[in-house]
């Protein structure tokens, strides 16, 4: 562990012991980090693709899906963080200990598919970002993305704090870019409010995009990752200190996921207030969005868009690879070198690039795949966090369990609907 990470742990223990002399902000800062790493997955290139398509085709109509998805994400990530804090194990490890071996193997296989779909979206998005900013051929941009993510992942050897700092910096870049975009595109705030609080669909394609937004926001792989990020970061076992530590994690989740939600909303708002407003409802690809923003809002707008896409892809691709490691280690008790996993997970993306498939449509479909994988992460998480023999005094309040089960039921119902429509040829 690096000296910076060790100082963070010591400062956190002082806060929990009540002996810290730092101000309120400094005391809070030492606990911030895990949720920010997890939040990157909630603003990855898959979100760009689904939110831009949703905003361009339907205006502000699907903004309520972004709001609802983010509220679900806050609840689910809170439960994931709590599971790691209380048990000292991540979700995959608890699944291995609680379920029969055949079930464990099936879940590992499904989550590996989800991780590959995730990495496809994130890796492809970063490559498109390099391509848009510098005019680099997509296949070369893919190779550059691989090198940069190797460097980012290499920070893990120096402890958790350097990696948290770099990922948080990427989040800051994305947030700053979309703050500028929102100022430039001058949205209709009355329509924004109406879209955010009025649930509705128009047609089957809007339902498909809603599922994509859900899959891109509440992501199964990062549910597993968040529990791993908290399981050994700051270890306490005394009930009073554990409850206090959990309260700090609630703040971490609230701030990080709140920022992620605002960024997601800003993506859809940008597309609605520029493309949809101008009658460009067919603007559905990242490349078209980049090229069309310049005549509508000026060159700076297209640059900020590409920079945010690049920052999103690089950071989220790194987090996706970390999630894959957690999933394999937790379910199978096996690890492979990080560079081998990086090479394996980047292979599908390079195939997509070589085949000349539409990157944005591929991103949207990958997010629908993620949505199908959600029940296999959410349901076990609810099951474990409601059991007192696992969680002790930190077991879910009955109301929390009821709300979480409603969220899981909604996710499953939407996925069943999509499957029926898909096999009926309706999507």
Protein backbone atom coordinates (compact mmCIF):
# COMPACT_ATOMS: atom_id res chain seq x y z
CA UNK A 1 0.00 0.00 0.00
CA UNK A 2 1.31 3.46 -0.87
CA UNK A 3 2.06 6.02 1.84
CA UNK A 4 -0.87 8.10 0.59
CA UNK A 5 -3.28 5.19 0.97
CA UNK A 6 -1.86 4.35 4.41
CA UNK A 7 -2.31 7.96 5.55
CA UNK A 8 -5.91 7.83 4.34
CA UNK A 9 -6.58 4.69 6.39
CA UNK A 10 -4.97 6.21 9.50
CA UNK A 11 -6.93 9.45 9.09
CA UNK A 12 -10.16 7.48 8.69
CA UNK A 13 -9.50 5.53 11.87
CA UNK A 14 -8.87 8.78 13.75
CA UNK A 15 -12.24 10.08 12.54
CA UNK A 16 -14.03 6.88 13.58
CA UNK A 17 -12.27 6.97 16.98
CA UNK A 18 -13.30 10.60 17.46
CA UNK A 19 -9.68 11.80 17.78
CA UNK A 20 -9.35 13.60 14.44
CA UNK A 21 -8.52 17.32 14.62
CA UNK A 22 -9.32 18.05 11.00
CA UNK A 23 -12.29 20.11 9.84
CA UNK A 24 -15.55 18.56 8.67
CA UNK A 25 -14.58 18.59 4.99
CA UNK A 26 -11.19 16.95 5.62
CA UNK A 27 -12.84 14.30 7.79
CA UNK A 28 -15.33 13.52 5.04
CA UNK A 29 -12.71 13.52 2.29
CA UNK A 30 -10.84 10.47 3.60
CA UNK A 31 -13.94 8.32 3.12
CA UNK A 32 -14.66 9.51 -0.41
CA UNK A 33 -13.53 7.36 -3.33
CA UNK A 34 -15.19 3.96 -3.77
CA UNK A 35 -18.48 5.38 -5.04
CA UNK A 36 -16.63 7.68 -7.44
CA UNK A 37 -14.90 4.68 -9.02
CA UNK A 38 -18.26 2.92 -9.26
CA UNK A 39 -19.95 6.05 -10.62
CA UNK A 40 -17.74 6.07 -13.70
CA UNK A 41 -19.69 3.08 -15.00
CA UNK A 42 -22.83 5.20 -14.75
CA UNK A 43 -21.53 7.78 -17.21
CA UNK A 44 -19.67 5.57 -19.67
CA UNK A 45 -19.92 5.69 -23.50
CA UNK A 46 -22.96 3.43 -23.35
CA UNK A 47 -24.74 6.25 -21.54
CA UNK A 48 -23.65 8.68 -24.26
CA UNK A 49 -25.14 6.43 -26.95
CA UNK A 50 -28.47 5.72 -25.25
CA UNK A 51 -29.03 9.23 -23.89
CA UNK A 52 -28.16 10.93 -27.17
CA UNK A 53 -30.43 8.63 -29.15
CA UNK A 54 -33.19 9.07 -26.59
CA UNK A 55 -32.90 12.87 -26.58
CA UNK A 56 -32.61 13.21 -30.35
CA UNK A 57 -35.60 10.98 -31.12
CA UNK A 58 -37.94 11.82 -28.24
CA UNK A 59 -36.81 15.15 -26.85
CA UNK A 60 -37.11 15.37 -23.07
CA UNK A 61 -39.66 12.53 -22.88
CA UNK A 62 -37.29 9.85 -21.54
CA UNK A 63 -35.62 12.10 -18.98
CA UNK A 64 -37.75 10.47 -16.26
CA UNK A 65 -36.04 7.15 -17.09
CA UNK A 66 -32.66 8.75 -16.33
CA UNK A 67 -33.97 10.11 -13.01
CA UNK A 68 -35.59 6.83 -12.00
CA UNK A 69 -32.55 4.78 -13.02
CA UNK A 70 -30.24 7.00 -10.98
CA UNK A 71 -32.41 6.70 -7.88
CA UNK A 72 -32.34 2.92 -8.31
CA UNK A 73 -28.56 3.10 -8.70
CA UNK A 74 -28.16 5.01 -5.44
CA UNK A 75 -30.11 2.37 -3.52
CA UNK A 76 -28.38 -0.60 -5.12
CA UNK A 77 -24.86 0.80 -4.79
CA UNK A 78 -25.55 1.63 -1.15
CA UNK A 79 -26.49 -1.99 -0.48
CA UNK A 80 -23.40 -3.19 -2.34
CA UNK A 81 -21.11 -0.90 -0.35
CA UNK A 82 -22.75 -2.06 2.90
CA UNK A 83 -22.29 -5.73 2.05
CA UNK A 84 -18.55 -5.24 1.56
CA UNK A 85 -18.15 -3.12 4.70
CA UNK A 86 -20.03 -5.47 7.02
CA UNK A 87 -18.99 -8.92 5.80
CA UNK A 88 -15.48 -8.23 4.54
CA UNK A 89 -16.42 -10.11 1.36
CA UNK A 90 -17.55 -8.88 -2.02
CA UNK A 91 -20.83 -9.93 -3.65
CA UNK A 92 -19.23 -12.59 -5.85
CA UNK A 93 -17.52 -14.17 -2.85
CA UNK A 94 -20.76 -14.25 -0.85
CA UNK A 95 -22.53 -15.85 -3.83
CA UNK A 96 -19.84 -18.54 -3.93
CA UNK A 97 -20.21 -19.23 -0.21
CA UNK A 98 -24.02 -19.26 -0.18
CA UNK A 99 -25.01 -20.92 -3.46
CA UNK A 100 -24.37 -24.46 -4.80
CA UNK A 101 -21.38 -24.82 -7.08
CA UNK A 102 -23.43 -25.28 -10.33
CA UNK A 103 -25.29 -22.02 -9.61
CA UNK A 104 -22.00 -20.27 -8.91
CA UNK A 105 -20.55 -21.40 -12.23
CA UNK A 106 -23.64 -20.28 -14.14
CA UNK A 107 -23.59 -16.88 -12.46
CA UNK A 108 -19.89 -16.49 -13.19
CA UNK A 109 -20.47 -17.26 -16.87
CA UNK A 110 -23.35 -14.79 -17.13
CA UNK A 111 -21.43 -12.05 -15.34
CA UNK A 112 -18.41 -12.60 -17.57
CA UNK A 113 -20.68 -12.04 -20.60
CA UNK A 114 -21.97 -8.87 -18.95
CA UNK A 115 -18.41 -7.73 -18.26
CA UNK A 116 -17.49 -8.27 -21.91
CA UNK A 117 -20.55 -6.29 -23.07
CA UNK A 118 -19.52 -3.54 -20.66
CA UNK A 119 -15.97 -3.46 -21.88
CA UNK A 120 -17.17 -3.39 -25.47
CA UNK A 121 -19.11 -0.19 -24.80
CA UNK A 122 -16.37 1.50 -22.81
CA UNK A 123 -13.43 0.54 -24.97
CA UNK A 124 -15.28 1.41 -28.17
CA UNK A 125 -16.34 4.77 -26.75
CA UNK A 126 -12.78 5.74 -25.87
CA UNK A 127 -11.60 4.74 -29.36
CA UNK A 128 -14.33 6.89 -30.92
CA UNK A 129 -13.24 9.77 -28.66
CA UNK A 130 -9.65 9.55 -29.92
CA UNK A 131 -10.95 9.28 -33.48
CA UNK A 132 -13.15 12.38 -33.18
CA UNK A 133 -10.57 14.54 -31.42
CA UNK A 134 -7.47 13.69 -33.44
CA UNK A 135 -8.76 12.09 -36.63
CA UNK A 136 -6.95 8.85 -35.82
CA UNK A 137 -8.24 5.73 -37.64
CA UNK A 138 -10.53 3.79 -35.35
CA UNK A 139 -8.35 0.68 -35.16
CA UNK A 140 -5.29 2.73 -34.15
CA UNK A 141 -7.42 4.61 -31.62
CA UNK A 142 -8.40 1.23 -30.18
CA UNK A 143 -4.76 0.28 -29.67
CA UNK A 144 -4.01 3.63 -28.01
CA UNK A 145 -6.98 3.08 -25.70
CA UNK A 146 -5.53 -0.29 -24.68
CA UNK A 147 -2.17 1.27 -23.80
CA UNK A 148 -3.68 4.11 -21.76
CA UNK A 149 -5.95 1.78 -19.78
CA UNK A 150 -2.94 -0.44 -19.02
CA UNK A 151 -1.24 2.61 -17.50
CA UNK A 152 -4.31 3.53 -15.44
CA UNK A 153 -4.74 -0.02 -14.16
CA UNK A 154 -1.05 -0.07 -13.23
CA UNK A 155 -1.83 2.45 -10.48
CA UNK A 156 -3.43 -0.35 -8.44
CA UNK A 157 0.02 -1.51 -7.36
CA UNK A 158 0.43 1.76 -5.45
CA UNK A 159 -2.72 1.30 -3.35
CA UNK A 160 -6.29 2.47 -3.66
CA UNK A 161 -5.80 6.23 -3.26
CA UNK A 162 -3.87 7.05 -6.50
CA UNK A 163 -6.40 5.14 -8.59
CA UNK A 164 -9.30 6.85 -6.81
CA UNK A 165 -7.70 10.24 -7.47
CA UNK A 166 -7.23 9.60 -11.19
CA UNK A 167 -10.76 8.22 -11.67
CA UNK A 168 -12.24 11.16 -9.72
CA UNK A 169 -10.27 13.55 -11.96
CA UNK A 170 -11.84 11.91 -15.01
CA UNK A 171 -15.29 12.38 -13.43
CA UNK A 172 -14.44 16.04 -12.92
CA UNK A 173 -13.49 16.43 -16.59
CA UNK A 174 -16.76 14.85 -17.75
CA UNK A 175 -18.79 17.01 -15.36
CA UNK A 176 -17.02 20.22 -16.45
CA UNK A 177 -17.55 19.43 -20.14
CA UNK A 178 -21.26 18.85 -19.68
CA UNK A 179 -21.64 21.95 -17.53
CA UNK A 180 -20.32 23.93 -20.49
CA UNK A 181 -22.55 21.99 -22.92
CA UNK A 182 -25.64 22.73 -20.82
CA UNK A 183 -24.83 26.46 -20.76
CA UNK A 184 -24.31 26.48 -24.53
CA UNK A 185 -27.43 24.57 -25.55
CA UNK A 186 -29.90 26.69 -23.47
CA UNK A 187 -32.53 24.03 -22.74
CA UNK A 188 -36.24 24.63 -22.12
CA UNK A 189 -36.24 24.17 -18.34
CA UNK A 190 -40.01 23.84 -18.10
CA UNK A 191 -39.91 20.97 -20.59
CA UNK A 192 -36.94 19.49 -18.72
CA UNK A 193 -38.92 19.44 -15.47
CA UNK A 194 -41.95 17.92 -17.18
CA UNK A 195 -39.83 15.20 -18.80
CA UNK A 196 -38.10 14.42 -15.50
CA UNK A 197 -41.30 13.77 -13.51
CA UNK A 198 -43.76 12.41 -16.11
CA UNK A 199 -43.38 8.68 -16.88
CA UNK A 200 -44.44 7.85 -20.44
CA UNK A 201 -43.50 5.96 -23.61
CA UNK A 202 -44.43 6.65 -27.22
CA UNK A 203 -43.65 3.45 -29.11
CA UNK A 204 -41.62 0.25 -29.00
CA UNK A 205 -38.36 1.95 -29.88
CA UNK A 206 -38.77 4.28 -26.89
CA UNK A 207 -39.13 1.20 -24.65
CA UNK A 208 -35.96 -0.28 -26.14
CA UNK A 209 -34.08 2.95 -25.48
CA UNK A 210 -35.49 3.07 -21.95
CA UNK A 211 -34.10 -0.43 -21.34
CA UNK A 212 -30.78 0.71 -22.75
CA UNK A 213 -30.74 3.74 -20.44
CA UNK A 214 -31.54 1.48 -17.49
CA UNK A 215 -28.84 -1.01 -18.47
CA UNK A 216 -26.33 1.80 -18.95
CA UNK A 217 -27.18 3.37 -15.58
CA UNK A 218 -27.77 0.48 -13.16
CA UNK A 219 -24.88 -1.75 -14.21
CA UNK A 220 -24.47 -5.32 -12.90
CA UNK A 221 -20.68 -5.50 -13.04
CA UNK A 222 -20.23 -2.40 -10.88
CA UNK A 223 -22.61 -3.82 -8.26
CA UNK A 224 -20.03 -6.57 -7.76
CA UNK A 225 -17.15 -4.08 -7.90
CA UNK A 226 -18.47 -1.65 -5.29
CA UNK A 227 -18.63 -4.34 -2.62
CA UNK A 228 -15.01 -5.22 -3.44
CA UNK A 229 -13.92 -1.57 -3.17
CA UNK A 230 -15.27 -1.28 0.38
CA UNK A 231 -14.49 -4.76 1.74
CA UNK A 232 -10.88 -4.05 2.70
CA UNK A 233 -10.45 -0.30 2.31
CA UNK A 234 -11.09 0.63 5.96
CA UNK A 235 -11.71 -2.39 8.15
CA UNK A 236 -13.65 -2.01 11.41
CA UNK A 237 -15.73 -4.54 13.30
CA UNK A 238 -17.09 -2.61 16.29
CA UNK A 239 -20.84 -2.03 15.65
CA UNK A 240 -20.78 1.68 16.55
CA UNK A 241 -17.80 2.43 14.31
CA UNK A 242 -19.25 0.31 11.53
CA UNK A 243 -22.47 2.30 11.57
CA UNK A 244 -20.53 5.54 11.50
CA UNK A 245 -18.40 4.29 8.62
CA UNK A 246 -21.54 3.33 6.73
CA UNK A 247 -22.94 6.84 7.17
CA UNK A 248 -19.83 8.22 5.50
CA UNK A 249 -20.31 5.74 2.68
CA UNK A 250 -23.88 6.99 2.26
CA UNK A 251 -22.49 10.47 1.67
CA UNK A 252 -19.93 9.06 -0.77
CA UNK A 253 -22.68 7.30 -2.74
CA UNK A 254 -25.01 10.29 -2.62
CA UNK A 255 -22.44 12.74 -3.97
CA UNK A 256 -20.89 10.43 -6.58
CA UNK A 257 -24.16 9.04 -7.91
CA UNK A 258 -25.76 12.47 -7.77
CA UNK A 259 -23.03 13.83 -10.04
CA UNK A 260 -23.42 10.83 -12.34
CA UNK A 261 -27.18 11.40 -12.52
CA UNK A 262 -26.76 15.07 -13.40
CA UNK A 263 -24.27 14.19 -16.13
CA UNK A 264 -26.64 11.58 -17.59
CA UNK A 265 -29.47 14.08 -17.54
CA UNK A 266 -27.22 16.67 -19.20
CA UNK A 267 -26.44 14.23 -22.03
CA UNK A 268 -30.11 13.71 -22.84
CA UNK A 269 -30.92 17.40 -22.35
CA UNK A 270 -28.15 18.38 -24.76
CA UNK A 271 -29.48 16.03 -27.45
CA UNK A 272 -33.08 17.16 -26.90
CA UNK A 273 -32.33 20.89 -26.91
CA UNK A 274 -30.11 20.74 -29.98
CA UNK A 275 -30.87 17.82 -32.28
CA UNK A 276 -34.54 17.20 -31.46
CA UNK A 277 -35.30 20.91 -31.35
CA UNK A 278 -33.73 21.36 -34.79
CA UNK A 279 -35.75 18.45 -36.20
CA UNK A 280 -32.68 16.21 -36.42
CA UNK A 281 -34.32 13.19 -34.82
CA UNK A 282 -32.18 10.82 -36.88
CA UNK A 283 -28.98 12.03 -35.19
CA UNK A 284 -28.28 8.86 -33.32
CA UNK A 285 -24.55 8.18 -33.58
CA UNK A 286 -21.69 9.66 -31.61
CA UNK A 287 -19.96 10.75 -34.81
CA UNK A 288 -23.07 12.54 -36.06
CA UNK A 289 -23.53 14.23 -32.70
CA UNK A 290 -19.95 15.51 -32.78
CA UNK A 291 -20.21 16.84 -36.33
CA UNK A 292 -23.66 18.35 -35.88
CA UNK A 293 -22.91 20.16 -32.62
CA UNK A 294 -20.43 22.50 -34.31
CA UNK A 295 -22.88 24.24 -36.70
CA UNK A 296 -25.55 24.30 -33.99
CA UNK A 297 -23.53 25.49 -30.99
CA UNK A 298 -20.02 26.25 -32.27
CA UNK A 299 -16.74 24.36 -32.46
CA UNK A 300 -16.13 24.49 -28.70
CA UNK A 301 -19.27 22.43 -28.08
CA UNK A 302 -18.07 19.58 -30.30
CA UNK A 303 -14.64 19.63 -28.66
CA UNK A 304 -16.12 19.42 -25.15
CA UNK A 305 -18.33 16.57 -26.29
CA UNK A 306 -15.37 14.57 -27.67
CA UNK A 307 -13.20 15.29 -24.61
CA UNK A 308 -15.93 14.10 -22.25
CA UNK A 309 -16.45 10.96 -24.36
CA UNK A 310 -12.72 10.19 -24.27
CA UNK A 311 -12.46 10.74 -20.50
CA UNK A 312 -15.53 8.57 -20.00
CA UNK A 313 -14.24 5.72 -22.15
CA UNK A 314 -10.75 5.60 -20.66
CA UNK A 315 -11.89 5.67 -17.05
CA UNK A 316 -14.85 3.31 -17.51
CA UNK A 317 -12.78 0.81 -19.49
CA UNK A 318 -10.32 0.62 -16.62
CA UNK A 319 -13.12 0.14 -14.11
CA UNK A 320 -14.67 -2.55 -16.32
CA UNK A 321 -11.45 -4.55 -16.30
CA UNK A 322 -11.25 -4.23 -12.50
CA UNK A 323 -14.81 -5.56 -12.28
CA UNK A 324 -13.90 -8.57 -14.39
CA UNK A 325 -11.08 -9.41 -12.01
CA UNK A 326 -13.41 -9.17 -9.01
CA UNK A 327 -16.00 -11.41 -10.68
CA UNK A 328 -13.50 -14.15 -11.56
CA UNK A 329 -11.72 -14.04 -8.22
CA UNK A 330 -14.96 -13.99 -6.26
CA UNK A 331 -16.81 -16.78 -8.07
CA UNK A 332 -13.87 -19.05 -8.94
CA UNK A 333 -11.13 -18.02 -6.48
CA UNK A 334 -8.83 -17.58 -9.44
CA UNK A 335 -6.99 -14.60 -10.83
CA UNK A 336 -5.32 -14.00 -14.14
CA UNK A 337 -2.78 -11.26 -14.88
CA UNK A 338 -4.53 -7.97 -15.53
CA UNK A 339 -2.86 -7.57 -18.92
CA UNK A 340 -4.26 -10.93 -20.10
CA UNK A 341 -7.78 -9.91 -19.07
CA UNK A 342 -7.30 -6.57 -20.81
CA UNK A 343 -6.25 -8.32 -24.03
CA UNK A 344 -9.14 -10.80 -23.91
CA UNK A 345 -11.81 -8.18 -23.21
CA UNK A 346 -10.57 -5.81 -25.91
CA UNK A 347 -10.76 -8.53 -28.59
CA UNK A 348 -14.54 -8.18 -29.25
CA UNK A 349 -14.14 -4.42 -29.68
CA UNK A 350 -11.38 -4.83 -32.23
CA UNK A 351 -13.61 -7.32 -34.08
CA UNK A 352 -16.45 -4.77 -34.14
CA UNK A 353 -14.05 -2.14 -35.49
CA UNK A 354 -12.63 -4.50 -38.12
CA UNK A 355 -16.13 -5.50 -39.30
CA UNK A 356 -17.11 -1.86 -39.72
CA UNK A 357 -20.22 -2.16 -37.53
CA UNK A 358 -21.98 1.00 -36.42
CA UNK A 359 -20.26 1.86 -33.10
CA UNK A 360 -23.23 3.69 -31.60
CA UNK A 361 -25.82 1.00 -32.39
CA UNK A 362 -23.41 -1.58 -30.99
CA UNK A 363 -23.14 0.49 -27.82
CA UNK A 364 -26.93 0.68 -27.43
CA UNK A 365 -27.38 -3.09 -27.89
CA UNK A 366 -24.58 -3.76 -25.39
CA UNK A 367 -26.48 -1.72 -22.82
CA UNK A 368 -29.61 -3.80 -23.40
CA UNK A 369 -27.46 -6.89 -22.72
CA UNK A 370 -26.42 -5.28 -19.43
CA UNK A 371 -30.05 -4.73 -18.54
CA UNK A 372 -30.71 -8.47 -18.96
CA UNK A 373 -27.84 -9.23 -16.58
CA UNK A 374 -29.10 -6.95 -13.82
CA UNK A 375 -31.44 -9.42 -12.03
CA UNK A 376 -28.52 -11.82 -11.47
CA UNK A 377 -26.72 -9.12 -9.49
CA UNK A 378 -29.59 -7.23 -7.87
CA UNK A 379 -31.59 -10.20 -6.55
CA UNK A 380 -28.67 -11.89 -4.72
CA UNK A 381 -27.62 -8.51 -3.30
CA UNK A 382 -31.09 -7.95 -1.83
CA UNK A 383 -31.25 -11.53 -0.59
CA UNK A 384 -27.95 -11.27 1.30
CA UNK A 385 -28.38 -7.78 2.76
CA UNK A 386 -31.80 -8.71 4.23
CA UNK A 387 -30.37 -11.69 6.15
CA UNK A 388 -29.38 -11.00 9.74
CA UNK A 389 -27.09 -14.04 9.87
CA UNK A 390 -24.95 -12.34 7.21
CA UNK A 391 -25.37 -8.64 8.03
CA UNK A 392 -25.86 -8.70 11.81
CA UNK A 393 -27.03 -5.33 13.16
CA UNK A 394 -26.54 -3.78 9.71
CA UNK A 395 -29.29 -5.87 8.15
CA UNK A 396 -31.66 -3.98 5.84
CA UNK A 397 -34.63 -2.20 7.35
CA UNK A 398 -37.79 -3.98 6.15
CA UNK A 399 -38.84 -0.88 4.19
CA UNK A 400 -35.48 -0.83 2.40
CA UNK A 401 -35.91 -4.45 1.41
CA UNK A 402 -39.43 -3.79 0.10
CA UNK A 403 -38.26 -0.86 -2.05
CA UNK A 404 -35.28 -2.85 -3.32
CA UNK A 405 -37.55 -5.75 -4.24
CA UNK A 406 -39.83 -3.37 -6.13
CA UNK A 407 -36.80 -2.13 -8.06
CA UNK A 408 -35.78 -5.70 -8.88
CA UNK A 409 -39.34 -6.56 -9.96
CA UNK A 410 -39.44 -3.53 -12.26
CA UNK A 411 -36.14 -4.51 -13.86
CA UNK A 412 -37.24 -8.11 -14.41
CA UNK A 413 -40.63 -7.02 -15.83
CA UNK A 414 -39.01 -4.65 -18.31
CA UNK A 415 -36.55 -7.31 -19.43
CA UNK A 416 -39.32 -9.91 -19.91
CA UNK A 417 -41.28 -7.41 -22.00
CA UNK A 418 -38.26 -6.72 -24.17
CA UNK A 419 -37.56 -10.43 -24.64
CA UNK A 420 -41.13 -11.07 -25.73
CA UNK A 421 -41.01 -8.18 -28.19
CA UNK A 422 -37.62 -9.24 -29.46
CA UNK A 423 -38.63 -12.81 -30.24
CA UNK A 424 -41.89 -11.56 -31.72
CA UNK A 425 -39.88 -9.42 -34.11
CA UNK A 426 -41.17 -6.20 -32.62
CA UNK A 427 -37.82 -4.62 -31.73
